[in-house]
């Protein structure tokens, strides 16, 4: 692992999301606050994504990593506000908070369609 792949307490992790077909770009910022809780801030061209971001309260590590998917707060709130099952924002939030919480490394995710 490279040193710049990890974050420390208070470091903000910024993820830019190009969602594909809808082209409504978003930015997810995650960090650990002074109380040790994971926080997220989302800006987006999509109103549904903005509403989703407003619903995400400070979370502890166990809430972020909760399995199964159907019990994960981020996917539950996404299901209440987002318009498309394949929206990449919930996964982007999870990856951002995983890195902000020191549980993952800064590595991009790519889905590439072959011709």
N, C-alpha and C. Protein backbone atom coordinates (compact mmCIF):
# COMPACT_ATOMS: atom_id res chain seq x y z
N UNK A 1 0.83 -1.18 0.00
CA UNK A 1 0.00 0.00 0.00
C UNK A 1 0.88 1.24 0.00
N UNK A 2 0.45 2.22 -0.74
CA UNK A 2 1.16 3.48 -0.77
C UNK A 2 0.64 4.38 0.34
N UNK A 3 1.51 5.24 0.85
CA UNK A 3 1.14 6.13 1.94
C UNK A 3 -0.05 7.01 1.65
N UNK A 4 -0.21 7.46 0.42
CA UNK A 4 -1.32 8.36 0.10
C UNK A 4 -2.64 7.63 -0.13
N UNK A 5 -2.63 6.31 0.03
CA UNK A 5 -3.86 5.53 -0.12
C UNK A 5 -4.67 5.49 1.16
N UNK A 6 -4.06 5.89 2.28
CA UNK A 6 -4.73 5.83 3.57
C UNK A 6 -5.04 7.22 4.08
N UNK A 7 -6.01 7.31 4.98
CA UNK A 7 -6.35 8.60 5.56
C UNK A 7 -6.16 8.53 7.07
N UNK A 8 -6.05 9.68 7.67
CA UNK A 8 -5.95 9.77 9.13
C UNK A 8 -7.16 10.48 9.68
N UNK A 9 -7.29 10.54 11.01
CA UNK A 9 -8.43 11.23 11.62
C UNK A 9 -8.53 12.67 11.13
N UNK A 10 -9.73 13.08 10.78
CA UNK A 10 -9.96 14.45 10.32
C UNK A 10 -9.73 14.66 8.84
N UNK A 11 -9.07 13.72 8.17
CA UNK A 11 -8.86 13.86 6.73
C UNK A 11 -10.20 13.72 6.00
N UNK A 12 -10.43 14.58 5.05
CA UNK A 12 -11.64 14.47 4.23
C UNK A 12 -11.32 13.67 2.98
N UNK A 13 -12.22 12.79 2.65
CA UNK A 13 -12.10 11.97 1.45
C UNK A 13 -13.13 12.49 0.46
N UNK A 14 -12.70 12.79 -0.76
CA UNK A 14 -13.58 13.36 -1.77
C UNK A 14 -13.68 12.40 -2.94
N UNK A 15 -14.91 12.07 -3.31
CA UNK A 15 -15.18 11.16 -4.42
C UNK A 15 -16.06 11.88 -5.43
N UNK A 16 -15.60 11.97 -6.67
CA UNK A 16 -16.41 12.52 -7.75
C UNK A 16 -17.08 11.36 -8.48
N UNK A 17 -18.38 11.49 -8.73
CA UNK A 17 -19.13 10.39 -9.34
C UNK A 17 -19.74 10.84 -10.66
N UNK A 18 -19.35 10.14 -11.72
CA UNK A 18 -19.98 10.29 -13.04
C UNK A 18 -20.91 9.10 -13.16
N UNK A 19 -22.20 9.31 -13.00
CA UNK A 19 -23.13 8.20 -12.86
C UNK A 19 -23.48 7.44 -14.13
N UNK A 20 -23.04 7.92 -15.27
CA UNK A 20 -23.37 7.20 -16.50
C UNK A 20 -24.47 7.86 -17.28
N UNK A 21 -25.53 7.13 -17.53
CA UNK A 21 -26.57 7.55 -18.46
C UNK A 21 -27.23 8.89 -18.12
N UNK A 22 -27.53 9.14 -16.85
CA UNK A 22 -28.24 10.37 -16.50
C UNK A 22 -27.33 11.61 -16.57
N UNK A 23 -26.04 11.43 -16.47
CA UNK A 23 -25.03 12.50 -16.55
C UNK A 23 -25.16 13.55 -15.46
N UNK A 24 -25.89 13.26 -14.39
CA UNK A 24 -26.03 14.20 -13.27
C UNK A 24 -24.93 13.91 -12.27
N UNK A 25 -23.86 14.64 -12.39
CA UNK A 25 -22.66 14.40 -11.58
C UNK A 25 -22.90 14.74 -10.11
N UNK A 26 -22.14 14.04 -9.27
CA UNK A 26 -22.23 14.24 -7.83
C UNK A 26 -20.83 14.23 -7.22
N UNK A 27 -20.74 14.80 -6.03
CA UNK A 27 -19.51 14.74 -5.25
C UNK A 27 -19.88 14.31 -3.83
N UNK A 28 -19.14 13.34 -3.33
CA UNK A 28 -19.34 12.82 -1.99
C UNK A 28 -18.09 13.16 -1.17
N UNK A 29 -18.30 13.75 0.00
CA UNK A 29 -17.19 14.05 0.90
C UNK A 29 -17.47 13.33 2.22
N UNK A 30 -16.48 12.56 2.68
CA UNK A 30 -16.63 11.82 3.92
C UNK A 30 -15.49 12.13 4.87
N UNK A 31 -15.76 12.11 6.18
CA UNK A 31 -14.73 12.37 7.18
C UNK A 31 -15.20 11.85 8.53
N UNK A 32 -14.25 11.77 9.46
CA UNK A 32 -14.55 11.43 10.85
C UNK A 32 -14.61 12.73 11.64
N UNK A 33 -15.70 12.94 12.39
CA UNK A 33 -15.82 14.16 13.17
C UNK A 33 -15.10 14.01 14.52
N UNK A 34 -15.15 15.05 15.34
CA UNK A 34 -14.45 15.06 16.63
C UNK A 34 -14.98 14.01 17.60
N UNK A 35 -16.18 13.51 17.36
CA UNK A 35 -16.77 12.48 18.22
C UNK A 35 -16.50 11.07 17.71
N UNK A 36 -15.72 10.97 16.62
CA UNK A 36 -15.40 9.66 16.05
C UNK A 36 -16.49 9.08 15.15
N UNK A 37 -17.44 9.92 14.78
CA UNK A 37 -18.53 9.47 13.90
C UNK A 37 -18.19 9.79 12.45
N UNK A 38 -18.62 8.93 11.55
CA UNK A 38 -18.42 9.16 10.12
C UNK A 38 -19.52 10.07 9.61
N UNK A 39 -19.12 11.10 8.91
CA UNK A 39 -20.06 12.07 8.34
C UNK A 39 -19.91 12.09 6.83
N UNK A 40 -21.00 12.47 6.17
CA UNK A 40 -20.98 12.56 4.71
C UNK A 40 -21.71 13.82 4.27
N UNK A 41 -21.17 14.43 3.22
CA UNK A 41 -21.80 15.59 2.59
C UNK A 41 -21.86 15.29 1.10
N UNK A 42 -23.03 15.47 0.50
CA UNK A 42 -23.20 15.18 -0.92
C UNK A 42 -23.70 16.42 -1.64
N UNK A 43 -23.03 16.76 -2.73
CA UNK A 43 -23.54 17.78 -3.65
C UNK A 43 -23.82 17.07 -4.97
N UNK A 44 -24.87 17.49 -5.65
CA UNK A 44 -25.25 16.80 -6.87
C UNK A 44 -26.13 17.68 -7.75
N UNK A 45 -26.11 17.37 -9.02
CA UNK A 45 -27.03 17.98 -9.98
C UNK A 45 -28.39 17.29 -9.92
N UNK A 46 -28.47 16.17 -9.20
CA UNK A 46 -29.70 15.39 -9.09
C UNK A 46 -30.41 15.70 -7.78
N UNK A 47 -31.66 16.12 -7.86
CA UNK A 47 -32.43 16.46 -6.65
C UNK A 47 -32.63 15.26 -5.74
N UNK A 48 -32.82 14.09 -6.31
CA UNK A 48 -33.02 12.88 -5.50
C UNK A 48 -31.75 12.54 -4.73
N UNK A 49 -30.60 12.73 -5.33
CA UNK A 49 -29.33 12.46 -4.64
C UNK A 49 -29.11 13.47 -3.51
N UNK A 50 -29.46 14.72 -3.75
CA UNK A 50 -29.35 15.75 -2.70
C UNK A 50 -30.23 15.35 -1.51
N UNK A 51 -31.46 14.94 -1.78
CA UNK A 51 -32.37 14.52 -0.72
C UNK A 51 -31.80 13.30 0.02
N UNK A 52 -31.25 12.35 -0.70
CA UNK A 52 -30.61 11.18 -0.10
C UNK A 52 -29.51 11.63 0.87
N UNK A 53 -28.66 12.55 0.44
CA UNK A 53 -27.57 13.03 1.28
C UNK A 53 -28.06 13.67 2.57
N UNK A 54 -29.19 14.38 2.49
CA UNK A 54 -29.74 15.04 3.68
C UNK A 54 -30.21 14.03 4.73
N UNK A 55 -30.54 12.83 4.30
CA UNK A 55 -31.06 11.80 5.21
C UNK A 55 -29.97 11.03 5.94
N UNK A 56 -28.72 11.21 5.53
CA UNK A 56 -27.64 10.43 6.13
C UNK A 56 -27.06 11.13 7.35
N UNK A 57 -27.38 10.63 8.52
CA UNK A 57 -26.90 11.20 9.78
C UNK A 57 -25.49 10.68 10.07
N UNK A 58 -24.79 11.26 11.03
CA UNK A 58 -23.48 10.72 11.41
C UNK A 58 -23.62 9.24 11.80
N UNK A 59 -22.69 8.42 11.33
CA UNK A 59 -22.76 6.98 11.54
C UNK A 59 -21.49 6.45 12.18
N UNK A 60 -21.62 5.36 12.90
CA UNK A 60 -20.42 4.68 13.39
C UNK A 60 -19.98 3.65 12.34
N UNK A 61 -18.83 3.09 12.56
CA UNK A 61 -18.25 2.15 11.60
C UNK A 61 -19.18 0.96 11.34
N UNK A 62 -19.80 0.46 12.39
CA UNK A 62 -20.66 -0.72 12.23
C UNK A 62 -21.88 -0.42 11.36
N UNK A 63 -22.40 0.79 11.45
CA UNK A 63 -23.53 1.16 10.59
C UNK A 63 -23.12 1.20 9.13
N UNK A 64 -21.93 1.73 8.87
CA UNK A 64 -21.45 1.84 7.50
C UNK A 64 -21.22 0.46 6.89
N UNK A 65 -20.66 -0.45 7.67
CA UNK A 65 -20.31 -1.78 7.15
C UNK A 65 -21.41 -2.83 7.33
N UNK A 66 -22.56 -2.43 7.84
CA UNK A 66 -23.63 -3.40 8.15
C UNK A 66 -24.01 -4.24 6.94
N UNK A 67 -24.10 -5.52 7.19
CA UNK A 67 -24.58 -6.49 6.21
C UNK A 67 -25.73 -7.23 6.85
N UNK A 68 -26.65 -7.77 6.10
CA UNK A 68 -26.71 -7.77 4.64
C UNK A 68 -27.12 -6.39 4.10
N UNK A 69 -27.02 -6.24 2.79
CA UNK A 69 -27.34 -4.97 2.15
C UNK A 69 -28.70 -4.44 2.60
N UNK A 70 -29.66 -5.32 2.74
CA UNK A 70 -31.03 -4.90 3.08
C UNK A 70 -31.14 -4.27 4.46
N UNK A 71 -30.10 -4.40 5.29
CA UNK A 71 -30.10 -3.79 6.61
C UNK A 71 -29.11 -2.63 6.72
N UNK A 72 -28.47 -2.26 5.62
CA UNK A 72 -27.50 -1.18 5.63
C UNK A 72 -28.23 0.15 5.46
N UNK A 73 -28.04 1.06 6.42
CA UNK A 73 -28.75 2.35 6.43
C UNK A 73 -28.58 3.11 5.12
N UNK A 74 -27.41 3.07 4.54
CA UNK A 74 -27.18 3.83 3.31
C UNK A 74 -28.03 3.28 2.17
N UNK A 75 -28.12 1.97 2.04
CA UNK A 75 -28.98 1.40 1.01
C UNK A 75 -30.47 1.60 1.35
N UNK A 76 -30.82 1.54 2.62
CA UNK A 76 -32.22 1.77 3.01
C UNK A 76 -32.65 3.19 2.64
N UNK A 77 -31.84 4.18 2.99
CA UNK A 77 -32.19 5.57 2.66
C UNK A 77 -32.16 5.80 1.15
N UNK A 78 -31.22 5.16 0.46
CA UNK A 78 -31.20 5.25 -1.00
C UNK A 78 -32.48 4.71 -1.61
N UNK A 79 -32.98 3.62 -1.06
CA UNK A 79 -34.23 3.03 -1.55
C UNK A 79 -35.43 3.93 -1.37
N UNK A 80 -35.36 4.82 -0.38
CA UNK A 80 -36.47 5.74 -0.12
C UNK A 80 -36.44 6.98 -1.00
N UNK A 81 -35.27 7.35 -1.51
CA UNK A 81 -35.15 8.64 -2.18
C UNK A 81 -34.69 8.56 -3.64
N UNK A 82 -33.87 7.61 -3.97
CA UNK A 82 -33.29 7.56 -5.32
C UNK A 82 -34.27 6.95 -6.31
N UNK A 83 -34.13 7.32 -7.58
CA UNK A 83 -35.11 6.95 -8.60
C UNK A 83 -34.74 5.70 -9.40
N UNK A 84 -33.47 5.27 -9.32
CA UNK A 84 -33.03 4.14 -10.14
C UNK A 84 -32.26 3.13 -9.29
N UNK A 85 -32.61 1.88 -9.43
CA UNK A 85 -31.95 0.81 -8.69
C UNK A 85 -30.45 0.78 -8.93
N UNK A 86 -30.02 1.16 -10.12
CA UNK A 86 -28.60 1.09 -10.47
C UNK A 86 -27.83 2.36 -10.18
N UNK A 87 -28.42 3.30 -9.45
CA UNK A 87 -27.72 4.53 -9.09
C UNK A 87 -26.44 4.17 -8.32
N UNK A 88 -25.33 4.76 -8.74
CA UNK A 88 -24.02 4.45 -8.16
C UNK A 88 -23.74 5.21 -6.86
N UNK A 89 -24.59 6.14 -6.49
CA UNK A 89 -24.30 6.99 -5.33
C UNK A 89 -24.22 6.23 -4.01
N UNK A 90 -25.14 5.30 -3.69
CA UNK A 90 -24.98 4.59 -2.41
C UNK A 90 -23.63 3.87 -2.29
N UNK A 91 -23.21 3.22 -3.34
CA UNK A 91 -21.91 2.55 -3.31
C UNK A 91 -20.78 3.56 -3.15
N UNK A 92 -20.88 4.70 -3.84
CA UNK A 92 -19.86 5.74 -3.71
C UNK A 92 -19.78 6.25 -2.27
N UNK A 93 -20.93 6.42 -1.62
CA UNK A 93 -20.94 6.85 -0.23
C UNK A 93 -20.26 5.81 0.66
N UNK A 94 -20.61 4.55 0.46
CA UNK A 94 -20.01 3.49 1.26
C UNK A 94 -18.50 3.43 1.08
N UNK A 95 -18.03 3.50 -0.16
CA UNK A 95 -16.58 3.46 -0.41
C UNK A 95 -15.90 4.68 0.19
N UNK A 96 -16.51 5.85 0.06
CA UNK A 96 -15.95 7.08 0.61
C UNK A 96 -15.81 6.98 2.13
N UNK A 97 -16.85 6.52 2.81
CA UNK A 97 -16.81 6.41 4.26
C UNK A 97 -15.89 5.29 4.72
N UNK A 98 -15.80 4.24 3.94
CA UNK A 98 -14.86 3.15 4.26
C UNK A 98 -13.43 3.69 4.31
N UNK A 99 -13.08 4.51 3.32
CA UNK A 99 -11.73 5.10 3.28
C UNK A 99 -11.58 6.15 4.39
N UNK A 100 -12.58 7.01 4.56
CA UNK A 100 -12.50 8.05 5.59
C UNK A 100 -12.33 7.44 6.97
N UNK A 101 -12.94 6.28 7.18
CA UNK A 101 -12.85 5.62 8.47
C UNK A 101 -11.61 4.77 8.65
N UNK A 102 -10.72 4.79 7.65
CA UNK A 102 -9.49 4.03 7.75
C UNK A 102 -9.66 2.54 7.52
N UNK A 103 -10.77 2.15 6.91
CA UNK A 103 -11.06 0.74 6.68
C UNK A 103 -10.83 0.30 5.25
N UNK A 104 -10.38 1.22 4.41
CA UNK A 104 -10.15 0.91 3.01
C UNK A 104 -9.11 1.83 2.43
N UNK A 105 -8.75 1.60 1.19
CA UNK A 105 -7.75 2.41 0.51
C UNK A 105 -8.41 3.17 -0.65
N UNK A 106 -7.77 4.25 -1.05
CA UNK A 106 -8.26 5.07 -2.16
C UNK A 106 -7.94 4.36 -3.47
N UNK A 107 -8.86 3.57 -3.93
CA UNK A 107 -8.75 2.88 -5.21
C UNK A 107 -10.06 3.07 -5.96
N UNK A 108 -9.96 3.49 -7.22
CA UNK A 108 -11.15 3.72 -8.02
C UNK A 108 -11.88 2.44 -8.38
N UNK A 109 -13.14 2.60 -8.64
CA UNK A 109 -13.99 1.50 -9.10
C UNK A 109 -14.39 1.81 -10.52
N UNK A 110 -14.32 0.82 -11.39
CA UNK A 110 -14.67 1.06 -12.80
C UNK A 110 -15.60 -0.05 -13.28
N UNK A 111 -16.62 0.35 -13.98
CA UNK A 111 -17.48 -0.60 -14.67
C UNK A 111 -17.37 -0.23 -16.14
N UNK A 112 -16.88 -1.13 -16.93
CA UNK A 112 -16.63 -0.82 -18.33
C UNK A 112 -17.39 -1.80 -19.22
N UNK A 113 -18.22 -1.26 -20.09
CA UNK A 113 -18.94 -2.10 -21.04
C UNK A 113 -18.04 -2.40 -22.23
N UNK A 114 -18.03 -3.64 -22.64
CA UNK A 114 -17.27 -4.03 -23.84
C UNK A 114 -18.18 -3.89 -25.05
N UNK A 115 -17.58 -3.53 -26.19
CA UNK A 115 -18.39 -3.38 -27.40
C UNK A 115 -18.72 -4.72 -27.99
